[in-house]
Each structure stands twice: as C-alpha cells, then as structure tokens.
Protein backbone atom coordinates (compact mmCIF):
# COMPACT_ATOMS: atom_id res chain seq x y z
CA MET A 1 -45.06 27.22 -21.62
CA GLY A 2 -42.60 25.77 -24.27
CA SER A 3 -40.44 22.81 -23.97
CA TYR A 4 -36.66 22.97 -23.17
CA PRO A 5 -34.04 20.66 -24.76
CA GLU A 6 -32.10 18.26 -22.46
CA PRO A 7 -28.53 19.47 -21.98
CA GLU A 8 -25.74 17.22 -23.32
CA ILE A 9 -23.91 17.27 -19.86
CA LEU A 10 -25.94 17.53 -16.74
CA PRO A 11 -24.63 19.91 -14.02
CA PRO A 12 -22.80 18.19 -11.27
CA GLU A 13 -25.46 18.84 -8.66
CA GLY A 14 -29.18 18.93 -8.83
CA GLY A 15 -29.58 17.91 -12.47
CA TYR A 16 -31.29 20.14 -15.01
CA ALA A 17 -34.63 21.90 -14.45
CA PRO A 18 -36.50 24.27 -16.86
CA PRO A 19 -36.82 27.87 -15.65
CA GLU A 20 -39.80 28.89 -13.67
CA PRO A 21 -42.61 31.01 -15.22
CA GLY A 22 -41.75 34.62 -15.23
CA TYR A 23 -37.97 33.92 -15.34
CA ALA A 24 -35.92 36.61 -17.01
CA PRO A 25 -32.36 35.94 -18.09
CA PRO A 26 -29.60 37.90 -16.38
CA ALA A 27 -28.44 41.17 -17.72
CA PRO A 28 -25.39 41.11 -20.05
CA GLY A 29 -22.23 41.21 -18.06
CA TYR A 30 -23.80 39.73 -15.00
CA ALA A 31 -21.89 36.64 -13.64
CA PRO A 32 -24.04 34.56 -11.32
CA SER A 33 -22.15 33.17 -8.34
CA ALA A 34 -21.52 29.44 -8.49
CA PRO A 35 -23.42 27.40 -5.96
CA ALA A 36 -21.40 26.49 -2.92
CA ARG A 37 -20.28 22.92 -2.96
CA LYS A 38 -20.44 20.79 0.15
CA PRO A 39 -16.98 20.17 1.41
CA ARG A 40 -16.02 16.45 0.95
CA PRO A 41 -14.74 14.75 4.14
CA LEU A 42 -11.00 14.07 4.15
CA TRP A 43 -11.37 10.19 3.85
CA ALA A 44 -13.39 10.58 0.60
CA ALA A 45 -10.30 11.87 -1.21
CA ALA A 46 -8.35 8.71 -0.45
CA PRO A 47 -10.72 6.05 0.95
CA ALA A 48 -8.30 3.08 0.35
CA THR A 49 -5.56 4.81 2.34
CA TYR A 50 -7.83 5.46 5.28
CA LEU A 51 -9.28 1.86 5.06
CA LEU A 52 -5.91 0.27 5.11
CA VAL A 53 -4.77 2.44 8.13
CA GLY A 54 -8.03 1.63 9.86
CA ILE A 55 -7.69 -2.12 9.36
CA ASN A 56 -4.18 -2.11 10.82
CA CYS A 57 -5.27 -0.01 13.76
CA ALA A 58 -8.29 -2.31 14.35
CA VAL A 59 -6.13 -5.38 14.38
CA PHE A 60 -3.78 -3.83 16.87
CA LEU A 61 -6.60 -2.66 19.08
CA GLY A 62 -8.07 -6.20 19.02
CA MET A 63 -4.72 -7.51 20.17
CA VAL A 64 -4.49 -5.06 23.02
CA LEU A 65 -8.11 -5.72 24.13
CA GLN A 66 -7.14 -9.34 24.28
CA GLY A 67 -4.54 -8.52 26.89
CA ILE A 68 -1.53 -8.43 24.59
CA SER A 69 1.18 -5.89 25.58
CA ALA A 70 0.92 -2.68 23.54
CA TRP A 71 4.71 -2.35 23.73
CA MET A 72 6.27 -5.78 23.23
CA PRO A 73 4.08 -8.66 22.24
CA THR A 74 5.59 -12.19 22.57
CA VAL A 75 6.38 -14.30 19.48
CA ASP A 76 3.55 -16.67 20.34
CA GLN A 77 1.06 -13.87 20.65
CA LEU A 78 2.11 -12.51 17.27
CA MET A 79 1.82 -15.93 15.69
CA HIS A 80 -1.63 -16.31 17.12
CA TRP A 81 -2.69 -13.12 15.41
CA GLY A 82 -1.21 -14.06 11.99
CA ALA A 83 2.53 -13.28 11.87
CA ASP A 84 4.63 -14.96 9.29
CA ARG A 85 7.30 -17.65 9.96
CA ALA A 86 9.03 -19.83 7.36
CA ASN A 87 8.32 -23.17 9.10
CA ASN A 88 4.63 -22.34 9.68
CA VAL A 89 4.28 -21.47 5.99
CA LEU A 90 6.38 -24.22 4.38
CA ILE A 91 5.94 -27.08 6.73
CA ASN A 92 2.42 -26.57 8.16
CA GLY A 93 1.06 -25.03 4.84
CA GLU A 94 -0.21 -21.85 6.51
CA TRP A 95 0.10 -19.77 3.44
CA TRP A 96 -2.59 -17.36 4.61
CA ARG A 97 0.07 -15.83 6.90
CA ILE A 98 1.71 -14.28 3.83
CA VAL A 99 -1.26 -11.88 3.74
CA SER A 100 -2.22 -11.64 7.38
CA ALA A 101 1.31 -10.70 8.57
CA MET A 102 1.13 -7.30 6.84
CA PHE A 103 -1.69 -6.28 9.20
CA VAL A 104 0.00 -7.40 12.48
CA HIS A 105 2.51 -5.14 14.40
CA VAL A 106 5.06 -5.56 17.05
CA GLY A 107 4.00 -2.88 19.49
CA ILE A 108 2.56 0.56 19.24
CA LEU A 109 5.83 2.21 18.05
CA HIS A 110 5.99 -0.24 15.18
CA LEU A 111 2.40 0.48 14.21
CA ALA A 112 2.81 4.26 14.57
CA THR A 113 5.83 4.50 12.31
CA ASN A 114 4.34 2.20 9.63
CA MET A 115 0.89 3.96 9.67
CA TRP A 116 2.61 7.34 9.43
CA CYS A 117 4.47 6.20 6.35
CA LEU A 118 1.45 4.44 4.83
CA TRP A 119 -0.73 7.53 5.30
CA ASN A 120 1.63 9.97 3.75
CA LEU A 121 2.55 7.66 0.81
CA GLY A 122 -1.03 6.55 0.32
CA LEU A 123 -2.33 10.05 0.08
CA LEU A 124 0.27 10.69 -2.69
CA ALA A 125 -0.26 7.40 -4.47
CA GLU A 126 -4.02 6.85 -4.51
CA PRO A 127 -4.75 9.72 -6.92
CA LEU A 128 -2.20 8.29 -9.30
CA MET A 129 -3.33 4.52 -9.26
CA GLY A 130 -6.92 4.80 -7.92
CA SER A 131 -8.37 3.20 -4.75
CA ALA A 132 -8.43 -0.27 -6.33
CA GLY A 133 -4.88 0.20 -7.45
CA LEU A 134 -3.63 1.18 -3.95
CA LEU A 135 -5.35 -1.86 -2.38
CA ALA A 136 -3.80 -4.07 -5.03
CA VAL A 137 -0.33 -2.71 -4.63
CA TYR A 138 -0.52 -2.93 -0.79
CA ILE A 139 -1.64 -6.57 -0.83
CA LEU A 140 0.63 -7.70 -3.71
CA THR A 141 3.80 -5.95 -2.64
CA GLY A 142 3.22 -6.86 0.97
CA ALA A 143 2.86 -10.53 -0.08
CA ALA A 144 5.96 -10.32 -2.27
CA GLY A 145 8.03 -9.05 0.67
CA ASN A 146 6.68 -11.76 3.00
CA LEU A 147 7.48 -14.41 0.41
CA LEU A 148 10.98 -13.23 -0.05
CA SER A 149 11.31 -13.09 3.77
CA THR A 150 10.08 -16.70 4.03
CA PHE A 151 12.61 -17.72 1.35
CA ASN A 152 15.44 -15.93 3.21
CA ASN A 153 14.59 -17.32 6.65
CA TRP A 154 14.20 -20.87 5.26
CA VAL A 155 17.48 -20.84 3.29
CA PHE A 156 19.50 -18.79 5.81
CA PRO A 157 18.00 -19.36 9.26
CA PHE A 158 19.56 -18.41 12.47
CA ARG A 159 20.96 -21.41 14.38
CA ASP A 160 21.26 -22.15 18.11
CA SER A 161 24.33 -23.41 19.85
CA ALA A 162 23.53 -26.93 18.71
CA GLY A 163 23.14 -25.97 15.14
CA ALA A 164 19.44 -26.35 15.03
CA PRO A 165 17.59 -23.73 12.82
CA ILE A 166 15.61 -20.82 14.49
CA PHE A 167 12.98 -19.41 12.27
CA GLN A 168 12.17 -15.79 13.17
CA ALA A 169 8.52 -14.43 13.09
CA GLY A 170 7.86 -11.48 10.82
CA ALA A 171 5.07 -8.97 10.89
CA GLY A 172 4.18 -5.46 9.89
CA ALA A 173 3.16 -3.28 6.88
CA SER A 174 6.59 -2.05 6.03
CA GLY A 175 7.05 -4.36 3.04
CA ALA A 176 3.76 -2.94 1.52
CA VAL A 177 4.78 0.54 2.43
CA PHE A 178 8.07 0.03 0.50
CA GLY A 179 6.07 -1.32 -2.35
CA ILE A 180 3.91 1.82 -2.47
CA ALA A 181 7.15 3.81 -2.56
CA GLY A 182 8.45 1.75 -5.45
CA ALA A 183 5.38 2.22 -7.42
CA LEU A 184 5.38 5.97 -6.81
CA ILE A 185 8.97 6.28 -8.02
CA VAL A 186 7.78 4.84 -11.40
CA LEU A 187 4.54 6.65 -11.69
CA LEU A 188 5.93 10.02 -10.78
CA LYS A 189 8.22 9.68 -13.85
CA ALA A 190 5.15 10.21 -16.24
CA ASN A 191 5.18 13.38 -18.27
CA ARG A 192 1.32 13.62 -18.38
CA LEU A 193 0.81 14.80 -14.86
CA PRO A 194 -0.83 18.14 -14.65
CA VAL A 195 1.67 19.33 -12.01
CA PRO A 196 4.70 21.52 -12.52
CA ALA A 197 7.73 19.40 -13.51
CA VAL A 198 9.80 20.92 -10.72
CA GLU A 199 7.32 19.88 -8.02
CA VAL A 200 6.90 16.31 -9.61
CA LYS A 201 10.73 15.93 -9.53
CA ARG A 202 10.88 17.06 -5.85
CA LEU A 203 8.21 14.57 -4.86
CA ARG A 204 9.87 11.73 -6.68
CA LYS A 205 13.27 12.68 -5.17
CA SER A 206 11.72 12.60 -1.57
CA VAL A 207 10.19 9.09 -2.14
CA ILE A 208 13.66 7.85 -3.38
CA TYR A 209 15.35 9.37 -0.32
CA PHE A 210 12.63 7.75 1.89
CA ALA A 211 13.32 4.22 0.42
CA VAL A 212 17.08 4.58 0.46
CA ILE A 213 17.40 6.00 3.99
CA ASN A 214 15.02 3.45 5.51
CA LEU A 215 16.89 0.59 3.83
CA ILE A 216 20.21 1.93 5.28
CA ILE A 217 18.55 2.20 8.73
CA GLY A 218 17.30 -1.41 8.50
CA PHE A 219 20.69 -2.79 7.60
CA SER A 220 22.38 -0.63 10.30
CA ILE A 221 19.96 -1.99 12.92
CA ASN A 222 20.53 -5.55 11.95
CA PHE A 223 24.30 -5.04 11.98
CA GLY A 224 23.95 -4.45 15.70
CA SER A 225 21.10 -6.86 16.33
CA GLN A 226 23.27 -9.16 18.41
CA ILE A 227 23.71 -6.30 20.89
CA THR A 228 20.31 -4.69 20.83
CA GLY A 229 18.19 -7.88 20.26
CA VAL A 230 16.11 -5.96 17.65
CA ALA A 231 16.05 -7.11 13.94
CA VAL A 232 14.46 -5.57 10.91
CA ASP A 233 13.16 -7.76 8.07
CA ASN A 234 15.04 -6.12 5.23
CA SER A 235 14.19 -8.97 2.84
CA ALA A 236 10.48 -7.98 3.19
CA HIS A 237 11.46 -4.43 2.48
CA ILE A 238 13.49 -5.29 -0.60
CA GLY A 239 10.86 -7.66 -1.92
CA GLY A 240 8.02 -5.20 -1.50
CA PHE A 241 10.07 -2.39 -3.07
CA ALA A 242 11.10 -4.52 -6.09
CA CYS A 243 7.48 -5.65 -6.52
CA GLY A 244 6.21 -2.03 -6.41
CA LEU A 245 8.68 -1.13 -9.23
CA LEU A 246 7.42 -4.03 -11.28
CA PHE A 247 3.77 -3.41 -10.50
CA ALA A 248 3.99 0.17 -11.73
CA ALA A 249 6.09 -0.54 -14.86
CA PRO A 250 3.09 -1.37 -17.15
CA MET A 251 0.91 1.36 -15.75
CA VAL A 252 0.20 4.98 -16.54
CA PRO A 253 -0.88 7.29 -13.77
CA ARG A 254 -4.61 7.82 -13.44
CA ILE A 255 -4.23 11.64 -13.55
CA GLY A 256 -3.76 12.78 -17.08
CA SER A 257 -4.52 9.33 -18.84
CA GLN A 258 -7.60 8.11 -20.54
CA ARG A 259 -9.76 5.94 -18.27
CA SER A 260 -9.75 2.98 -20.57
CA THR A 261 -5.95 3.08 -20.98
CA PHE A 262 -5.39 3.36 -17.27
CA THR A 263 -7.86 0.59 -16.37
CA LEU A 264 -6.36 -1.81 -18.93
CA ARG A 265 -2.84 -1.22 -17.77
CA ARG A 266 -3.83 -1.51 -14.16
CA ARG A 267 -5.32 -4.90 -14.92
CA ILE A 268 -2.24 -6.06 -16.77
CA ALA A 269 -0.04 -5.04 -13.78
CA ILE A 270 -2.25 -6.88 -11.33
CA LEU A 271 -2.38 -10.05 -13.37
CA ALA A 272 1.36 -10.04 -14.14
CA VAL A 273 2.29 -9.63 -10.45
CA VAL A 274 -0.24 -12.20 -9.30
CA GLY A 275 1.20 -14.66 -11.76
CA LEU A 276 4.75 -14.10 -10.66
CA LEU A 277 3.86 -14.37 -7.01
CA VAL A 278 2.07 -17.72 -7.58
CA LEU A 279 5.06 -19.06 -9.50
CA PHE A 280 7.33 -17.96 -6.65
CA GLY A 281 5.00 -19.61 -4.09
CA PHE A 282 5.22 -22.90 -6.05
CA TYR A 283 9.05 -22.56 -6.08
CA LEU A 284 9.03 -22.17 -2.28
CA ALA A 285 6.85 -25.26 -1.84
CA GLN A 286 9.22 -27.21 -4.01
CA LEU A 287 12.16 -25.83 -2.08
CA ARG A 288 10.74 -27.21 1.09
CA GLN A 289 10.21 -30.61 -0.37
CA GLY A 290 13.77 -30.71 -1.65
C-alpha cells in the first residue's frame, strides 16, 4: 500500500484519512453527496449576546428570589443590588456601580424591553464585531452612559422644597443597548459586507430609526414625569449612543475584512474608549472635590 500526501487544508470534520484497500475512485460525472453537518445550537452563532441576556436575567431572578418585587422595586433595593447614584459614586467612591448598574433593572417590564432590544441588536452586531467586540461595546458604552448620567445628576440634581439636592438612582442596560445601536450605524456603513447594498441600507436605516424614536420617547416621558412619576435616564442613552459611534469609528466589520486588520482596529477602539472613560472619571472626581 503506497503513501498518500497530506492535504494543504484539512477537511472541516474528521480530518484526512487515506482510502481503504480496494477503494475505487467514483465514475466521471458522479458527485458524491456532502456529509450532513450537525446543526449548531442557536446560542453558538452569537454566544456573547446570549451571555449578556443571561446575566441580566439571572441578576433579576436573584432579586426576585430575595423577595424583591418583580414589578416595582424600591430605590433602596435597587441600590443594594448595584444601581448607580451620583452621591454614592462621587462621595462614597463606589465606582463599581458604573458597571454593575447596567445589569440591574427596575421591574420585569424594564427587563423585558431592554432584553428584547439587546437580543435583536446583539444578533445583528456580533457577526460584525465578534463576541469579544460585543462584550467590550456593551461594557464600555454602558459605562459611558452611566458616567454621563452621574455627571448630569451631580451638576443638575432635582431639589426638594427646602432646596436640598435629590440624587436619582439609575439602572438598566439601555445605555449599553444604545451603544450597540451607535456602533451598528457606523459598521453597517462599510462597503465590504457580502450582503446586497439595499439590504444593508435597510438594516442601517432601521437601527437609526430605533435610536431616534427611543430618544424621542424618553424625552417625551420625562416631559410628563411630574405627572406620571416615571423618569427615563436620557443622559445614559445619549452617553451610550455617542460612545458606540466613537467605538466603531476606527473599526472595520469582521465580515469581509482580514482577521489581522480587524483585530488590530478592535484593540485600538477598546484602548481609545477606555482611555477616554478613565479621563472622564478623573474629571468627575475633581468635579466633586471642587
């Protein structure tokens, strides 16, 4: 039995094996059927999206199991689980709340709407920026939104009848969701995507509509907040969205780009945003001391 050269590219499944004794090549014109591939589970196509949704749901489930209302938690309960508030961050030095707040939600409706948006945008964004990129954009843009919210609540606090400042608690993944939307608007502008231009344009337009409509809804709700008692943290939305645009600016989409180019630009984007957030955090710390 003779020897067989190793192929330059191994087949995707099973590797390469020499033919068995007595093997005869197929007749000319015969096309052997391709081996059936095992279907991938849905989560394997976008693991970071499912991971983020899972963490948010797990935190909410933990809150409910601890006896917290699934419909309307109190401010003290939200703060206990990691919500953000300007005085806790700037006076008590609880900077970890900038990150933890993006996994805490004010009731099941708040969780459901945010997770629906995160799931839809994440499934669209993860193939373009990779799983590591989606995790990075979620954390960094969510942090940017919470930092801007902290700044806004510290500089322009609500005041009681005696003039004393009232700092509102903030929680939710919406700042990060807006960040993913901002990044998508930039990445879907790329001309290397192997998708018909009409379809890419349609997707990009729908993401822009999502951001604009939800910002309008947020400002409209706040306009009547004195009547309804409900307020939306629009500064977190704006901060997350602006950071998402910034994050995606130096990047190229993963689809249609060389791996080395994509990886380098993603690292540049992460380092640039981290640097800016650290500088803004230092500014907030000095603002409090002043």
